[in-house]
Structure formats: C-alpha cells, structure tokens
N, C-alpha and C. Protein backbone atom coordinates (compact mmCIF):
# COMPACT_ATOMS: atom_id res chain seq x y z
N MET A 1 4.41 -18.08 5.36
CA MET A 1 4.62 -16.87 4.59
C MET A 1 5.41 -15.87 5.44
N GLU A 2 6.22 -15.08 4.79
CA GLU A 2 7.07 -14.12 5.50
C GLU A 2 6.25 -13.14 6.33
N LEU A 3 6.71 -12.89 7.54
CA LEU A 3 6.07 -11.92 8.40
C LEU A 3 6.88 -10.63 8.46
N LYS A 4 8.11 -10.67 7.93
CA LYS A 4 8.95 -9.48 7.90
C LYS A 4 9.77 -9.48 6.62
N ILE A 5 9.72 -8.37 5.91
CA ILE A 5 10.48 -8.19 4.68
C ILE A 5 11.47 -7.06 4.95
N LYS A 6 12.76 -7.36 4.88
CA LYS A 6 13.78 -6.40 5.27
C LYS A 6 14.26 -5.56 4.10
N GLY A 7 14.34 -4.25 4.34
CA GLY A 7 14.85 -3.30 3.36
C GLY A 7 16.02 -2.52 3.95
N LYS A 8 16.39 -1.42 3.29
CA LYS A 8 17.51 -0.60 3.76
C LYS A 8 17.09 0.36 4.87
N GLN A 9 16.10 1.22 4.57
CA GLN A 9 15.61 2.19 5.56
C GLN A 9 14.46 1.63 6.40
N ILE A 10 13.76 0.65 5.81
CA ILE A 10 12.51 0.17 6.39
C ILE A 10 12.44 -1.35 6.38
N ASN A 11 11.51 -1.85 7.17
CA ASN A 11 11.08 -3.25 7.08
C ASN A 11 9.58 -3.22 6.84
N LEU A 12 9.07 -4.22 6.16
CA LEU A 12 7.63 -4.42 6.06
C LEU A 12 7.33 -5.58 6.98
N ARG A 13 6.34 -5.40 7.85
CA ARG A 13 6.05 -6.48 8.80
C ARG A 13 4.58 -6.53 9.16
N LYS A 14 4.20 -7.72 9.64
CA LYS A 14 2.85 -7.93 10.15
C LYS A 14 2.64 -7.01 11.35
N LEU A 15 1.46 -6.44 11.45
CA LEU A 15 1.16 -5.52 12.54
C LEU A 15 0.97 -6.24 13.87
N LYS A 16 1.27 -5.51 14.94
CA LYS A 16 1.03 -5.98 16.30
C LYS A 16 -0.01 -5.06 16.93
N LYS A 17 -0.69 -5.54 17.96
CA LYS A 17 -1.68 -4.72 18.67
C LYS A 17 -1.07 -3.40 19.12
N SER A 18 0.17 -3.45 19.54
CA SER A 18 0.85 -2.25 20.06
C SER A 18 1.14 -1.20 18.98
N ASP A 19 0.90 -1.53 17.70
CA ASP A 19 1.12 -0.57 16.60
C ASP A 19 -0.06 0.39 16.42
N ALA A 20 -1.17 0.14 17.10
CA ALA A 20 -2.39 0.92 16.88
C ALA A 20 -2.16 2.42 17.04
N PHE A 21 -1.48 2.83 18.09
CA PHE A 21 -1.26 4.26 18.33
C PHE A 21 -0.44 4.89 17.21
N SER A 22 0.62 4.21 16.80
CA SER A 22 1.49 4.72 15.73
C SER A 22 0.72 4.84 14.41
N ILE A 23 -0.10 3.84 14.11
CA ILE A 23 -0.92 3.89 12.89
C ILE A 23 -1.89 5.06 12.95
N GLN A 24 -2.58 5.18 14.07
CA GLN A 24 -3.55 6.27 14.22
C GLN A 24 -2.87 7.63 14.10
N ARG A 25 -1.74 7.80 14.72
CA ARG A 25 -1.01 9.07 14.69
C ARG A 25 -0.61 9.45 13.26
N ASN A 26 -0.20 8.47 12.47
CA ASN A 26 0.26 8.75 11.10
C ASN A 26 -0.88 8.81 10.09
N ALA A 27 -2.00 8.15 10.37
CA ALA A 27 -3.12 8.11 9.41
C ALA A 27 -4.16 9.18 9.65
N LYS A 28 -4.09 9.90 10.76
CA LYS A 28 -5.17 10.82 11.12
C LYS A 28 -5.21 12.10 10.28
N ASP A 29 -4.14 12.42 9.59
CA ASP A 29 -4.07 13.63 8.77
C ASP A 29 -5.01 13.53 7.57
N PHE A 30 -5.77 14.58 7.31
CA PHE A 30 -6.70 14.56 6.18
C PHE A 30 -5.96 14.34 4.86
N GLU A 31 -4.74 14.80 4.75
CA GLU A 31 -3.97 14.61 3.52
C GLU A 31 -3.77 13.13 3.20
N ILE A 32 -3.77 12.28 4.22
CA ILE A 32 -3.64 10.84 4.01
C ILE A 32 -4.98 10.26 3.53
N ALA A 33 -6.06 10.66 4.18
CA ALA A 33 -7.39 10.13 3.87
C ALA A 33 -7.92 10.64 2.52
N ARG A 34 -7.45 11.77 2.10
CA ARG A 34 -7.98 12.45 0.92
C ARG A 34 -8.07 11.56 -0.32
N TYR A 35 -7.03 10.79 -0.59
CA TYR A 35 -7.00 9.96 -1.80
C TYR A 35 -6.92 8.47 -1.48
N THR A 36 -7.37 8.08 -0.31
CA THR A 36 -7.37 6.67 0.07
C THR A 36 -8.75 6.30 0.59
N THR A 37 -8.90 5.06 0.99
CA THR A 37 -10.16 4.62 1.59
C THR A 37 -10.13 4.74 3.11
N ILE A 38 -9.10 5.38 3.64
CA ILE A 38 -8.97 5.56 5.09
C ILE A 38 -10.03 6.56 5.56
N PRO A 39 -10.77 6.23 6.61
CA PRO A 39 -11.77 7.17 7.12
C PRO A 39 -11.11 8.39 7.76
N HIS A 40 -11.83 9.51 7.75
CA HIS A 40 -11.35 10.71 8.44
C HIS A 40 -12.50 11.29 9.24
N PRO A 41 -12.34 11.57 10.51
CA PRO A 41 -11.12 11.39 11.28
C PRO A 41 -10.82 9.92 11.55
N TYR A 42 -9.54 9.61 11.71
CA TYR A 42 -9.09 8.25 11.95
C TYR A 42 -8.83 8.08 13.44
N THR A 43 -9.52 7.15 14.05
CA THR A 43 -9.46 6.98 15.51
C THR A 43 -8.57 5.79 15.89
N LEU A 44 -8.28 5.72 17.18
CA LEU A 44 -7.52 4.59 17.70
C LEU A 44 -8.31 3.29 17.49
N LYS A 45 -9.61 3.34 17.65
CA LYS A 45 -10.47 2.17 17.41
C LYS A 45 -10.38 1.73 15.95
N ASN A 46 -10.35 2.69 15.01
CA ASN A 46 -10.16 2.35 13.59
C ASN A 46 -8.87 1.55 13.42
N ALA A 47 -7.80 2.01 14.04
CA ALA A 47 -6.50 1.33 13.93
C ALA A 47 -6.54 -0.06 14.54
N GLU A 48 -7.16 -0.19 15.71
CA GLU A 48 -7.25 -1.50 16.37
C GLU A 48 -8.05 -2.49 15.53
N ASP A 49 -9.17 -2.03 14.98
CA ASP A 49 -9.99 -2.89 14.11
C ASP A 49 -9.24 -3.27 12.85
N PHE A 50 -8.50 -2.32 12.29
CA PHE A 50 -7.72 -2.56 11.07
C PHE A 50 -6.66 -3.64 11.32
N ILE A 51 -5.98 -3.56 12.45
CA ILE A 51 -4.95 -4.55 12.77
C ILE A 51 -5.56 -5.95 12.82
N LYS A 52 -6.70 -6.11 13.48
CA LYS A 52 -7.38 -7.41 13.55
C LYS A 52 -7.74 -7.91 12.15
N LEU A 53 -8.23 -7.01 11.31
CA LEU A 53 -8.62 -7.38 9.94
C LEU A 53 -7.41 -7.83 9.12
N THR A 54 -6.29 -7.14 9.28
CA THR A 54 -5.09 -7.55 8.52
C THR A 54 -4.65 -8.95 8.92
N HIS A 55 -4.76 -9.29 10.20
CA HIS A 55 -4.38 -10.64 10.66
C HIS A 55 -5.28 -11.71 10.02
N LEU A 56 -6.59 -11.44 9.99
CA LEU A 56 -7.52 -12.39 9.36
C LEU A 56 -7.18 -12.60 7.89
N LYS A 57 -6.93 -11.51 7.18
CA LYS A 57 -6.63 -11.60 5.74
C LYS A 57 -5.32 -12.33 5.48
N ILE A 58 -4.30 -12.04 6.30
CA ILE A 58 -3.02 -12.72 6.12
C ILE A 58 -3.18 -14.22 6.41
N ASN A 59 -3.88 -14.56 7.48
CA ASN A 59 -4.07 -15.97 7.83
C ASN A 59 -4.81 -16.73 6.73
N LYS A 60 -5.74 -16.07 6.05
CA LYS A 60 -6.50 -16.70 4.97
C LYS A 60 -5.83 -16.53 3.61
N LYS A 61 -4.69 -15.81 3.60
CA LYS A 61 -3.93 -15.52 2.37
C LYS A 61 -4.77 -14.75 1.34
N LYS A 62 -5.70 -13.93 1.84
CA LYS A 62 -6.54 -13.10 0.97
C LYS A 62 -5.87 -11.77 0.66
N ALA A 63 -5.02 -11.32 1.56
CA ALA A 63 -4.27 -10.07 1.40
C ALA A 63 -3.06 -10.13 2.31
N PHE A 64 -2.03 -9.39 1.94
CA PHE A 64 -0.83 -9.27 2.75
C PHE A 64 -0.60 -7.78 2.97
N GLU A 65 -1.16 -7.28 4.07
CA GLU A 65 -1.05 -5.87 4.40
C GLU A 65 -0.04 -5.73 5.54
N TYR A 66 1.03 -5.01 5.24
CA TYR A 66 2.14 -4.89 6.18
C TYR A 66 2.34 -3.46 6.62
N GLY A 67 2.78 -3.32 7.87
CA GLY A 67 3.19 -2.01 8.36
C GLY A 67 4.55 -1.67 7.80
N ILE A 68 4.74 -0.39 7.51
CA ILE A 68 6.06 0.09 7.09
C ILE A 68 6.76 0.55 8.36
N GLU A 69 7.76 -0.23 8.76
CA GLU A 69 8.49 0.02 10.00
C GLU A 69 9.78 0.77 9.68
N LEU A 70 9.93 1.96 10.26
CA LEU A 70 11.16 2.71 10.11
C LEU A 70 12.22 2.03 10.97
N LYS A 71 13.29 1.55 10.36
CA LYS A 71 14.32 0.81 11.10
C LYS A 71 14.87 1.63 12.26
N GLU A 72 15.04 2.91 12.04
CA GLU A 72 15.62 3.81 13.02
C GLU A 72 14.85 3.83 14.35
N THR A 73 13.51 3.81 14.25
CA THR A 73 12.68 3.93 15.46
C THR A 73 11.87 2.68 15.78
N ARG A 74 11.75 1.78 14.79
CA ARG A 74 10.91 0.58 14.87
C ARG A 74 9.42 0.90 14.94
N GLY A 75 9.07 2.15 14.67
CA GLY A 75 7.66 2.56 14.66
C GLY A 75 7.04 2.36 13.29
N ILE A 76 5.73 2.15 13.25
CA ILE A 76 5.00 2.01 11.99
C ILE A 76 4.65 3.41 11.49
N ILE A 77 5.09 3.72 10.27
CA ILE A 77 4.90 5.06 9.71
C ILE A 77 3.96 5.06 8.51
N GLY A 78 3.47 3.90 8.12
CA GLY A 78 2.56 3.79 6.99
C GLY A 78 2.22 2.33 6.76
N MET A 79 1.53 2.10 5.67
CA MET A 79 1.09 0.74 5.32
C MET A 79 1.31 0.51 3.84
N ILE A 80 1.53 -0.75 3.51
CA ILE A 80 1.55 -1.17 2.10
C ILE A 80 1.07 -2.61 2.07
N GLY A 81 0.38 -2.97 1.01
CA GLY A 81 -0.08 -4.34 0.94
C GLY A 81 -0.51 -4.76 -0.44
N LEU A 82 -0.63 -6.06 -0.58
CA LEU A 82 -1.20 -6.66 -1.78
C LEU A 82 -2.59 -7.15 -1.40
N MET A 83 -3.60 -6.63 -2.09
CA MET A 83 -4.99 -6.97 -1.79
C MET A 83 -5.65 -7.51 -3.05
N ASN A 84 -6.90 -7.94 -2.87
CA ASN A 84 -7.67 -8.46 -4.01
C ASN A 84 -6.85 -9.49 -4.79
N ILE A 85 -6.21 -10.37 -4.06
CA ILE A 85 -5.34 -11.36 -4.70
C ILE A 85 -6.19 -12.38 -5.45
N ASP A 86 -5.87 -12.54 -6.72
CA ASP A 86 -6.54 -13.50 -7.59
C ASP A 86 -5.50 -14.56 -7.95
N TYR A 87 -5.51 -15.67 -7.21
CA TYR A 87 -4.51 -16.70 -7.40
C TYR A 87 -4.68 -17.41 -8.75
N ASN A 88 -5.91 -17.52 -9.24
CA ASN A 88 -6.14 -18.17 -10.54
C ASN A 88 -5.52 -17.38 -11.68
N ASN A 89 -5.70 -16.06 -11.64
CA ASN A 89 -5.17 -15.20 -12.70
C ASN A 89 -3.84 -14.55 -12.34
N LYS A 90 -3.31 -14.92 -11.18
CA LYS A 90 -1.98 -14.50 -10.73
C LYS A 90 -1.78 -12.98 -10.75
N ASN A 91 -2.77 -12.27 -10.14
CA ASN A 91 -2.61 -10.83 -10.02
C ASN A 91 -3.14 -10.34 -8.69
N ALA A 92 -2.73 -9.12 -8.33
CA ALA A 92 -3.15 -8.50 -7.08
C ALA A 92 -3.02 -6.99 -7.22
N GLU A 93 -3.72 -6.31 -6.33
CA GLU A 93 -3.66 -4.84 -6.29
C GLU A 93 -2.74 -4.41 -5.16
N VAL A 94 -1.89 -3.42 -5.43
CA VAL A 94 -1.06 -2.84 -4.38
C VAL A 94 -1.74 -1.55 -3.91
N GLY A 95 -1.73 -1.36 -2.60
CA GLY A 95 -2.25 -0.14 -2.01
C GLY A 95 -1.30 0.30 -0.90
N TYR A 96 -1.25 1.61 -0.65
CA TYR A 96 -0.28 2.12 0.32
C TYR A 96 -0.65 3.50 0.81
N TRP A 97 -0.09 3.86 1.94
CA TRP A 97 -0.11 5.24 2.45
C TRP A 97 1.09 5.41 3.38
N LEU A 98 1.50 6.65 3.55
CA LEU A 98 2.66 6.95 4.38
C LEU A 98 2.37 8.22 5.16
N GLY A 99 2.75 8.24 6.44
CA GLY A 99 2.60 9.44 7.26
C GLY A 99 3.24 10.64 6.58
N LYS A 100 2.55 11.77 6.63
CA LYS A 100 2.97 12.98 5.91
C LYS A 100 4.41 13.41 6.25
N LYS A 101 4.79 13.24 7.50
CA LYS A 101 6.13 13.61 7.97
C LYS A 101 7.23 12.88 7.20
N TYR A 102 6.89 11.75 6.57
CA TYR A 102 7.89 10.90 5.90
C TYR A 102 7.87 11.01 4.38
N TRP A 103 7.02 11.89 3.85
CA TRP A 103 6.94 12.06 2.40
C TRP A 103 8.25 12.62 1.85
N GLY A 104 8.56 12.24 0.61
CA GLY A 104 9.71 12.80 -0.11
C GLY A 104 11.06 12.28 0.35
N LYS A 105 11.11 11.16 1.04
CA LYS A 105 12.38 10.61 1.56
C LYS A 105 12.76 9.28 0.90
N GLY A 106 12.00 8.87 -0.13
CA GLY A 106 12.30 7.62 -0.81
C GLY A 106 11.78 6.38 -0.10
N ILE A 107 11.07 6.58 0.99
CA ILE A 107 10.59 5.45 1.79
C ILE A 107 9.55 4.63 1.05
N MET A 108 8.57 5.31 0.44
CA MET A 108 7.51 4.57 -0.24
C MET A 108 8.03 3.88 -1.49
N LYS A 109 8.98 4.48 -2.17
CA LYS A 109 9.57 3.82 -3.35
C LYS A 109 10.23 2.50 -2.92
N GLU A 110 10.94 2.52 -1.79
CA GLU A 110 11.55 1.29 -1.27
C GLU A 110 10.47 0.28 -0.88
N ALA A 111 9.41 0.75 -0.23
CA ALA A 111 8.33 -0.15 0.20
C ALA A 111 7.66 -0.81 -1.01
N ILE A 112 7.44 -0.03 -2.07
CA ILE A 112 6.82 -0.58 -3.29
C ILE A 112 7.73 -1.66 -3.88
N LYS A 113 9.02 -1.39 -3.95
CA LYS A 113 9.96 -2.37 -4.50
C LYS A 113 9.93 -3.66 -3.68
N LEU A 114 9.90 -3.53 -2.35
CA LEU A 114 9.89 -4.71 -1.48
C LEU A 114 8.61 -5.52 -1.65
N ILE A 115 7.45 -4.86 -1.69
CA ILE A 115 6.18 -5.60 -1.77
C ILE A 115 6.00 -6.22 -3.17
N ILE A 116 6.49 -5.55 -4.20
CA ILE A 116 6.40 -6.10 -5.56
C ILE A 116 7.29 -7.34 -5.66
N ASN A 117 8.48 -7.25 -5.12
CA ASN A 117 9.38 -8.40 -5.12
C ASN A 117 8.72 -9.58 -4.39
N PHE A 118 8.09 -9.32 -3.26
CA PHE A 118 7.36 -10.34 -2.51
C PHE A 118 6.24 -10.95 -3.37
N GLY A 119 5.48 -10.09 -4.03
CA GLY A 119 4.37 -10.57 -4.86
C GLY A 119 4.83 -11.45 -6.01
N PHE A 120 5.87 -11.05 -6.68
CA PHE A 120 6.34 -11.81 -7.83
C PHE A 120 7.12 -13.06 -7.42
N LYS A 121 7.96 -12.97 -6.41
CA LYS A 121 8.82 -14.11 -6.04
C LYS A 121 8.16 -15.09 -5.08
N LYS A 122 7.41 -14.59 -4.11
CA LYS A 122 6.81 -15.48 -3.10
C LYS A 122 5.40 -15.93 -3.48
N LEU A 123 4.60 -15.00 -4.02
CA LEU A 123 3.23 -15.35 -4.39
C LEU A 123 3.11 -15.81 -5.84
N MET A 124 4.19 -15.68 -6.58
CA MET A 124 4.25 -16.11 -7.99
C MET A 124 3.22 -15.37 -8.86
N LEU A 125 3.01 -14.10 -8.57
CA LEU A 125 2.09 -13.30 -9.38
C LEU A 125 2.72 -12.97 -10.72
N VAL A 126 1.87 -12.68 -11.68
CA VAL A 126 2.33 -12.27 -13.01
C VAL A 126 2.11 -10.77 -13.20
N ARG A 127 1.09 -10.23 -12.52
CA ARG A 127 0.70 -8.82 -12.70
C ARG A 127 0.31 -8.22 -11.35
N ILE A 128 0.81 -7.02 -11.09
CA ILE A 128 0.40 -6.24 -9.92
C ILE A 128 -0.10 -4.90 -10.43
N TYR A 129 -1.26 -4.52 -9.95
CA TYR A 129 -1.85 -3.28 -10.44
C TYR A 129 -2.15 -2.32 -9.30
N ALA A 130 -2.37 -1.06 -9.66
CA ALA A 130 -2.68 -0.02 -8.68
C ALA A 130 -3.69 0.93 -9.28
N ARG A 131 -4.51 1.49 -8.40
CA ARG A 131 -5.47 2.52 -8.80
C ARG A 131 -5.15 3.78 -8.02
N VAL A 132 -5.03 4.88 -8.71
CA VAL A 132 -4.72 6.17 -8.09
C VAL A 132 -5.90 7.11 -8.31
N MET A 133 -6.41 7.67 -7.21
CA MET A 133 -7.49 8.65 -7.35
C MET A 133 -6.91 9.95 -7.89
N HIS A 134 -7.43 10.37 -9.03
CA HIS A 134 -7.00 11.63 -9.63
C HIS A 134 -7.66 12.77 -8.86
N PRO A 135 -6.93 13.76 -8.39
CA PRO A 135 -5.65 14.27 -8.88
C PRO A 135 -4.44 13.96 -7.99
N ASN A 136 -4.27 12.75 -7.51
CA ASN A 136 -3.12 12.40 -6.70
C ASN A 136 -1.92 12.12 -7.61
N ILE A 137 -1.41 13.17 -8.17
CA ILE A 137 -0.32 13.07 -9.15
C ILE A 137 0.97 12.53 -8.51
N ALA A 138 1.21 12.86 -7.25
CA ALA A 138 2.43 12.36 -6.58
C ALA A 138 2.45 10.84 -6.55
N SER A 139 1.31 10.22 -6.28
CA SER A 139 1.24 8.75 -6.25
C SER A 139 1.42 8.18 -7.65
N ALA A 140 0.83 8.82 -8.64
CA ALA A 140 0.98 8.36 -10.03
C ALA A 140 2.45 8.42 -10.46
N LYS A 141 3.13 9.50 -10.12
CA LYS A 141 4.56 9.63 -10.47
C LYS A 141 5.40 8.59 -9.75
N LEU A 142 5.05 8.31 -8.49
CA LEU A 142 5.77 7.29 -7.72
C LEU A 142 5.66 5.93 -8.39
N LEU A 143 4.46 5.58 -8.83
CA LEU A 143 4.27 4.29 -9.51
C LEU A 143 5.08 4.23 -10.80
N GLU A 144 5.06 5.32 -11.56
CA GLU A 144 5.83 5.35 -12.81
C GLU A 144 7.33 5.19 -12.53
N LYS A 145 7.83 5.88 -11.48
CA LYS A 145 9.25 5.74 -11.11
C LYS A 145 9.58 4.33 -10.62
N SER A 146 8.56 3.62 -10.17
CA SER A 146 8.73 2.25 -9.68
C SER A 146 8.54 1.20 -10.77
N GLY A 147 8.35 1.65 -12.02
CA GLY A 147 8.26 0.73 -13.15
C GLY A 147 6.86 0.40 -13.62
N PHE A 148 5.84 0.97 -13.00
CA PHE A 148 4.46 0.72 -13.41
C PHE A 148 4.15 1.47 -14.70
N GLU A 149 3.28 0.87 -15.50
CA GLU A 149 2.83 1.48 -16.75
C GLU A 149 1.41 1.98 -16.58
N TYR A 150 1.14 3.16 -17.13
CA TYR A 150 -0.21 3.72 -17.11
C TYR A 150 -1.07 2.92 -18.09
N GLU A 151 -2.24 2.45 -17.65
CA GLU A 151 -3.12 1.64 -18.50
C GLU A 151 -4.36 2.38 -18.96
N GLY A 152 -4.74 3.42 -18.27
CA GLY A 152 -5.94 4.15 -18.67
C GLY A 152 -6.66 4.72 -17.47
N THR A 153 -7.72 5.43 -17.76
CA THR A 153 -8.50 6.12 -16.73
C THR A 153 -9.90 5.54 -16.66
N MET A 154 -10.35 5.27 -15.45
CA MET A 154 -11.75 4.90 -15.22
C MET A 154 -12.42 6.19 -14.73
N ARG A 155 -13.24 6.77 -15.57
CA ARG A 155 -13.83 8.07 -15.27
C ARG A 155 -14.89 7.96 -14.18
N LYS A 156 -14.83 8.92 -13.26
CA LYS A 156 -15.80 9.03 -12.17
C LYS A 156 -16.13 7.68 -11.54
N SER A 157 -15.10 6.96 -11.16
CA SER A 157 -15.31 5.61 -10.63
C SER A 157 -15.27 5.54 -9.10
N THR A 158 -14.87 6.63 -8.45
CA THR A 158 -14.80 6.65 -6.99
C THR A 158 -15.46 7.91 -6.46
N PHE A 159 -16.37 7.73 -5.49
CA PHE A 159 -17.00 8.87 -4.84
C PHE A 159 -16.31 9.07 -3.50
N ARG A 160 -15.65 10.20 -3.33
CA ARG A 160 -14.85 10.45 -2.13
C ARG A 160 -14.99 11.91 -1.72
N ASN A 161 -15.25 12.14 -0.45
CA ASN A 161 -15.34 13.49 0.11
C ASN A 161 -16.30 14.38 -0.66
N GLY A 162 -17.43 13.80 -1.07
CA GLY A 162 -18.46 14.57 -1.77
C GLY A 162 -18.21 14.81 -3.24
N ASN A 163 -17.19 14.18 -3.80
CA ASN A 163 -16.84 14.40 -5.22
C ASN A 163 -16.60 13.08 -5.92
N TRP A 164 -16.91 13.07 -7.22
CA TRP A 164 -16.55 11.93 -8.07
C TRP A 164 -15.12 12.12 -8.53
N MET A 165 -14.35 11.05 -8.44
CA MET A 165 -12.95 11.10 -8.89
C MET A 165 -12.71 10.02 -9.93
N ASP A 166 -11.82 10.35 -10.85
CA ASP A 166 -11.36 9.36 -11.82
C ASP A 166 -10.31 8.48 -11.13
N ASN A 167 -10.19 7.25 -11.58
CA ASN A 167 -9.10 6.38 -11.14
C ASN A 167 -8.12 6.22 -12.29
N LEU A 168 -6.85 6.50 -12.01
CA LEU A 168 -5.78 6.26 -12.98
C LEU A 168 -5.26 4.86 -12.70
N ASN A 169 -5.26 4.02 -13.71
CA ASN A 169 -4.88 2.61 -13.55
C ASN A 169 -3.46 2.36 -14.04
N TYR A 170 -2.71 1.63 -13.21
CA TYR A 170 -1.31 1.31 -13.49
C TYR A 170 -1.09 -0.18 -13.25
N SER A 171 -0.08 -0.73 -13.91
CA SER A 171 0.31 -2.11 -13.61
C SER A 171 1.77 -2.32 -13.95
N ILE A 172 2.29 -3.39 -13.35
CA ILE A 172 3.63 -3.85 -13.67
C ILE A 172 3.55 -5.37 -13.80
N LEU A 173 4.25 -5.91 -14.78
CA LEU A 173 4.28 -7.36 -15.00
C LEU A 173 5.58 -7.93 -14.44
N CYS A 174 5.55 -9.18 -14.10
CA CYS A 174 6.70 -9.85 -13.50
C CYS A 174 7.94 -9.69 -14.37
N ASN A 175 7.82 -9.94 -15.66
CA ASN A 175 9.00 -9.86 -16.54
C ASN A 175 9.52 -8.43 -16.66
N GLU A 176 8.65 -7.43 -16.49
CA GLU A 176 9.12 -6.02 -16.52
C GLU A 176 9.90 -5.70 -15.25
N PHE A 177 9.44 -6.22 -14.14
CA PHE A 177 10.10 -5.95 -12.86
C PHE A 177 11.50 -6.56 -12.85
N LYS A 178 11.65 -7.73 -13.41
CA LYS A 178 12.94 -8.40 -13.41
C LYS A 178 13.98 -7.66 -14.26
N THR A 179 13.51 -6.94 -15.29
CA THR A 179 14.44 -6.27 -16.19
C THR A 179 14.76 -4.84 -15.77
N LYS A 180 14.08 -4.33 -14.72
CA LYS A 180 14.31 -2.93 -14.33
C LYS A 180 15.23 -2.81 -13.15
C-alpha cells in the first residue's frame, strides 16, 4: 500500500518517529482539540504514542492515517486518514486536523481530495463519510466544497469539553467523486 501520496502543496505520508515534535507543536492548540478527539493539552508523549498506533493500524490495514507534509518544509502540519474501514460494505470514515497557522490556505481541501482519491481508487471504497461536531461550521463547509453531501444530524451524540454536541453527517460516493 502507498506510503506517500503526492499533491501540489503537500504530500500525505506515513509518520516517522521524528515527526512527534512537529505533530505536538501543531496539535497542542485548544482550537484543534475543540472539535476533534485530540486530547488537550497535547503532549510529546501523546504524539509518540499516536505515531506507533498509526503504524499498527496501517500494517493491519484497519486505518490509513497519514501526516500532511508541507512540501516546502517537509514538516508535518496536520493529519488526515481513513478510519473505521469496513471492507465488506466498502466504506470508511475520513478524519482530519490541521495546525492553526495553516488554516485558510487550501491545504486541507487538497488533503481531502488526495485521501478520497486513495480511498476510492486504491481501497476500492464506494462511500466515504465524515462526522463534524457542531458548531464546527468551517469543517462542514470544507466537506461541502469537497463534494460531500449533508446526510443529517445525530443530536447530542458526542460529549466533549463538558458539553453535548450534535454530529453533522456527510458522505461522498465513488461515482459522485468521479464526476466532480
């Protein structure tokens, strides 16, 4: 399976032990943890453990979680991956985060396009879905701009930072991706 997916501004690649500091530096901001499952505060040990876990999942083909490498610096500035892969039903969930310094530059839109292409062409998936914790409207808009369709809301389905949050559900089908 591919260990590096090449894009224009970025590459998606398997993490290395040496990426721990870069991951920790970009994930430690509360704005990143707010609408994700990333713990806050995010420590170097969290990053080191996460890297080991991604290797196990990739080796077992249970998930493909890749670092978003900025071509300019070769540093990891975020993560994107396909998780909860259901090979029988040919679907998976996409999840992602990006260091705050890199927001609004089109980087995550490119990363989503690359990982979706990987899911449909290499893993032969039929459906890729995403869950967005409301009120993370920026992520919802990003998915819509990337061709995902809104499927509905799961009310109070996630408890985060002392509050119940709704999950906004999105998906894209293989045939929709090919036509966009």
